[in-house]
Structure formats: structure tokens, C-alpha cells
Amino acid sequence: MKRRGLIAALAAAPLAAGCAGPSVADYAAERPLLDLADYFNGRVTAHGLFTDRSGRIVKRFAVVMQCTWQGDEGVLDEDFTYSDGTRQRRVWRLKKLADGRYSGTADDVVGTAAGQAAGNAFRWQYTLALPVDGRVYEVQFDDWMVLMDDKVMLNKAVMSKFGVRLGEVTLAFVKG
């Protein structure tokens, strides 16, 4: 009986460790320092793709963003063009809070997005109302953005529902 308990504990250890994941604080010493109001100010373009859980590329897209900040409040006006010719617009309204934290809203975001910046990284979590084939699904996004230099930032986002990974979005932002 003790042997079964030990085997079960050893088998569960990697699962428990996998749930911990990185914290944005892990990147506090990384440079260049990411200042969202500085990076997302003016024109920013991006190219990205969505892969399903098997890794198959489902959609490619380009984004043109016009970004402005007034004090601690920012507006990121995003214009998406997808590889199938469809277009979408999302306007984020961000607010800088204490301790590197941010909140944000957009018309297709359910509730309020929450984020935190440290060093060269920014983690952004939110629920998106995603239209698919005439229905709307609420899916969760866990975005990680990493500033590479003063012009380029990479973004990797995991999309999930009920804790089940549905796919990933990968983006390369270019400022200017």
C-alpha cells in the first residue's frame, strides 16, 4: 500500500510543478525595460498567426495600431486584416495602476483585462467574446509580451476554455 502511495505522489509531482508556471516578476532584471506607454505610443504594426492545439496554422493576420496615452490612460486602436480578407477592429482602453499593473477594456472583452509589467516582460490576461461560425464563445487569453529592443516586441498568447488549451497566437510587433 505504501508503494502505491509513493508511486502516485511521484507521478503527480510533475503535474503539480507544471501548474506553477513563470511569474512576470521572474523577468524584473531583464532589459531593455518595457514601458507600455512609451512602446505603445504612435504607430505600431504587427504580424501574427493562430495555431490550433495540434500546431496547425489556422489563420494569419496583420495589425496596424494607432496608440495614444494621456497620463496613465492609453488607447490602442487595432485594425486587423486576416489572410482570408476579413477585417476586425478592437479598441483597447488601458489604465496604468500601481506596481507595474494595468487594467483594460475593449468592446469584445468580457469584464476587465488585468496585466503586469516587470523588466522587459508584460503578462496580459483576459476573456474574449470570440465569434465562430455564427456563435460567440468566451475564451481566456494568457498573453506574454517580451520587448526585444526599442522597436521589436514578441507576443505569445495561449487561448483556452474551461482550462483546456485551444491554441496559440504568436505576434511580432514593430514600433514606428
Protein backbone atom coordinates (compact mmCIF):
# COMPACT_ATOMS: atom_id res chain seq x y z
CA MET A 1 0.00 0.00 0.00
CA LYS A 2 2.86 2.39 0.84
CA ARG A 3 4.43 1.65 -2.53
CA ARG A 4 1.25 2.68 -4.39
CA GLY A 5 1.09 5.92 -2.43
CA LEU A 6 4.72 6.70 -3.22
CA ILE A 7 4.23 5.93 -6.92
CA ALA A 8 1.13 8.13 -7.04
CA ALA A 9 2.96 11.00 -5.32
CA LEU A 10 5.94 10.72 -7.70
CA ALA A 11 3.63 10.63 -10.72
CA ALA A 12 1.71 13.70 -9.53
CA ALA A 13 4.82 15.80 -8.79
CA PRO A 14 5.50 16.81 -12.42
CA LEU A 15 1.84 17.73 -12.86
CA ALA A 16 1.86 19.97 -9.81
CA ALA A 17 5.14 21.58 -10.86
CA GLY A 18 3.71 22.26 -14.33
CA CYS A 19 0.88 24.29 -12.85
CA ALA A 20 3.21 26.81 -11.21
CA GLY A 21 4.43 28.46 -14.43
CA PRO A 22 6.50 31.61 -14.72
CA SER A 23 5.70 34.85 -12.97
CA VAL A 24 6.21 38.27 -14.55
CA ALA A 25 8.48 39.05 -11.58
CA ASP A 26 10.89 36.40 -12.93
CA TYR A 27 11.83 38.93 -15.65
CA ALA A 28 12.29 42.03 -13.45
CA ALA A 29 16.05 42.21 -14.12
CA GLU A 30 15.73 41.71 -17.90
CA ARG A 31 16.47 44.60 -20.25
CA PRO A 32 15.54 46.62 -22.19
CA LEU A 33 12.97 47.90 -19.72
CA LEU A 34 9.42 47.78 -21.12
CA ASP A 35 7.39 50.94 -20.63
CA LEU A 36 3.96 50.26 -22.20
CA ALA A 37 3.12 53.96 -22.54
CA ASP A 38 6.38 54.53 -24.40
CA TYR A 39 6.26 51.44 -26.64
CA PHE A 40 2.54 51.63 -27.44
CA ASN A 41 2.59 55.29 -28.41
CA GLY A 42 2.23 56.24 -32.06
CA ARG A 43 2.06 53.71 -34.90
CA VAL A 44 2.81 50.05 -34.18
CA THR A 45 2.40 47.24 -36.71
CA ALA A 46 2.29 43.51 -36.10
CA HIS A 47 2.16 40.24 -37.99
CA GLY A 48 0.85 37.09 -36.41
CA LEU A 49 -0.75 33.72 -36.69
CA PHE A 50 -3.11 31.47 -34.79
CA THR A 51 -2.26 27.79 -34.41
CA ASP A 52 -4.70 25.19 -33.14
CA ARG A 53 -3.81 22.77 -30.35
CA SER A 54 -2.14 20.40 -32.85
CA GLY A 55 0.14 23.22 -34.07
CA ARG A 56 -1.59 23.68 -37.44
CA ILE A 57 -1.70 27.29 -38.66
CA VAL A 58 -5.37 28.24 -38.87
CA LYS A 59 -5.16 31.99 -39.57
CA ARG A 60 -2.55 34.58 -40.41
CA PHE A 61 -3.07 38.29 -39.88
CA ALA A 62 -1.57 41.77 -39.87
CA VAL A 63 -2.41 44.54 -37.41
CA VAL A 64 -1.97 48.29 -37.69
CA MET A 65 -2.25 50.06 -34.35
CA GLN A 66 -2.63 53.74 -33.58
CA CYS A 67 -1.74 54.24 -29.92
CA THR A 68 -2.02 57.29 -27.66
CA TRP A 69 -1.54 57.97 -23.95
CA GLN A 70 -2.76 60.81 -21.76
CA GLY A 71 -1.16 60.44 -18.34
CA ASP A 72 -1.95 56.95 -17.01
CA GLU A 73 -4.62 56.19 -19.65
CA GLY A 74 -3.94 54.76 -23.07
CA VAL A 75 -5.92 53.88 -26.19
CA LEU A 76 -4.70 51.14 -28.54
CA ASP A 77 -6.79 51.24 -31.73
CA GLU A 78 -6.12 47.95 -33.55
CA ASP A 79 -7.10 47.27 -37.19
CA PHE A 80 -6.74 43.57 -38.08
CA THR A 81 -6.59 42.20 -41.64
CA TYR A 82 -6.79 38.40 -41.85
CA SER A 83 -5.35 36.17 -44.60
CA ASP A 84 -8.90 35.34 -45.78
CA GLY A 85 -9.57 39.07 -46.38
CA THR A 86 -11.79 39.65 -43.34
CA ARG A 87 -11.18 42.65 -41.12
CA GLN A 88 -11.70 43.37 -37.46
CA ARG A 89 -11.22 46.35 -35.17
CA ARG A 90 -10.53 46.31 -31.45
CA VAL A 91 -10.02 49.42 -29.33
CA TRP A 92 -8.28 48.80 -26.01
CA ARG A 93 -8.66 51.37 -23.25
CA LEU A 94 -5.81 50.84 -20.77
CA LYS A 95 -5.15 52.26 -17.33
CA LYS A 96 -1.79 52.18 -15.58
CA LEU A 97 -2.13 51.22 -11.92
CA ALA A 98 0.43 50.91 -9.10
CA ASP A 99 3.31 48.39 -9.03
CA GLY A 100 3.53 47.84 -12.80
CA ARG A 101 -0.08 46.69 -13.01
CA TYR A 102 -2.54 47.59 -15.75
CA SER A 103 -6.24 47.14 -16.40
CA GLY A 104 -8.01 47.33 -19.73
CA THR A 105 -11.29 47.04 -21.54
CA ALA A 106 -12.44 46.57 -25.13
CA ASP A 107 -15.88 46.00 -26.64
CA ASP A 108 -15.28 42.28 -27.23
CA VAL A 109 -13.53 41.69 -23.89
CA VAL A 110 -15.70 40.24 -21.13
CA GLY A 111 -15.11 42.19 -17.92
CA THR A 112 -11.73 43.77 -17.34
CA ALA A 113 -8.33 42.58 -18.54
CA ALA A 114 -5.53 42.50 -15.99
CA GLY A 115 -1.82 42.81 -16.64
CA GLN A 116 1.53 43.35 -15.02
CA ALA A 117 4.88 44.53 -16.36
CA ALA A 118 8.33 43.81 -14.96
CA GLY A 119 11.69 44.22 -16.67
CA ASN A 120 11.20 43.52 -20.38
CA ALA A 121 8.01 41.44 -19.95
CA PHE A 122 4.29 42.07 -19.75
CA ARG A 123 1.63 39.47 -18.89
CA TRP A 124 -1.93 40.28 -20.00
CA GLN A 125 -4.91 38.07 -19.09
CA TYR A 126 -8.49 38.48 -20.25
CA THR A 127 -11.64 36.78 -21.53
CA LEU A 128 -12.58 37.45 -25.16
CA ALA A 129 -16.04 37.06 -26.73
CA LEU A 130 -14.93 35.22 -29.87
CA PRO A 131 -17.38 34.83 -32.80
CA VAL A 132 -17.05 31.48 -34.59
CA ASP A 133 -19.50 30.25 -37.25
CA GLY A 134 -22.40 32.41 -36.07
CA ARG A 135 -21.90 31.69 -32.35
CA VAL A 136 -19.93 33.59 -29.71
CA TYR A 137 -17.65 31.74 -27.31
CA GLU A 138 -15.99 33.20 -24.23
CA VAL A 139 -12.34 32.13 -24.29
CA GLN A 140 -9.49 33.02 -21.99
CA PHE A 141 -6.22 34.53 -23.20
CA ASP A 142 -2.92 34.48 -21.34
CA ASP A 143 -0.57 36.82 -23.26
CA TRP A 144 3.15 37.16 -22.66
CA MET A 145 4.87 40.08 -24.36
CA VAL A 146 8.66 40.45 -24.33
CA LEU A 147 10.47 43.58 -25.51
CA MET A 148 13.44 42.55 -27.65
CA ASP A 149 14.79 46.04 -28.42
CA ASP A 150 13.37 49.56 -28.80
CA LYS A 151 11.46 48.57 -31.97
CA VAL A 152 10.52 44.86 -31.69
CA MET A 153 8.32 43.08 -29.17
CA LEU A 154 7.26 39.42 -29.39
CA ASN A 155 3.92 38.17 -28.07
CA LYS A 156 2.81 34.60 -27.37
CA ALA A 157 -0.73 34.02 -26.15
CA VAL A 158 -2.41 30.80 -25.09
CA MET A 159 -6.14 30.59 -25.77
CA SER A 160 -8.18 28.23 -23.57
CA LYS A 161 -11.70 27.42 -22.46
CA PHE A 162 -12.52 25.68 -19.17
CA GLY A 163 -8.76 25.31 -18.67
CA VAL A 164 -8.35 23.35 -21.91
CA ARG A 165 -5.75 24.77 -24.31
CA LEU A 166 -7.37 25.53 -27.68
CA GLY A 167 -4.39 27.07 -29.45
CA GLU A 168 -1.84 29.85 -29.51
CA VAL A 169 -1.46 33.28 -31.04
CA THR A 170 2.06 34.40 -31.96
CA LEU A 171 2.76 38.04 -32.86
CA ALA A 172 5.74 40.21 -33.74
CA PHE A 173 5.17 43.92 -33.03
CA VAL A 174 7.28 46.59 -34.74
CA LYS A 175 7.20 50.19 -33.49
CA GLY A 176 7.38 53.05 -35.97
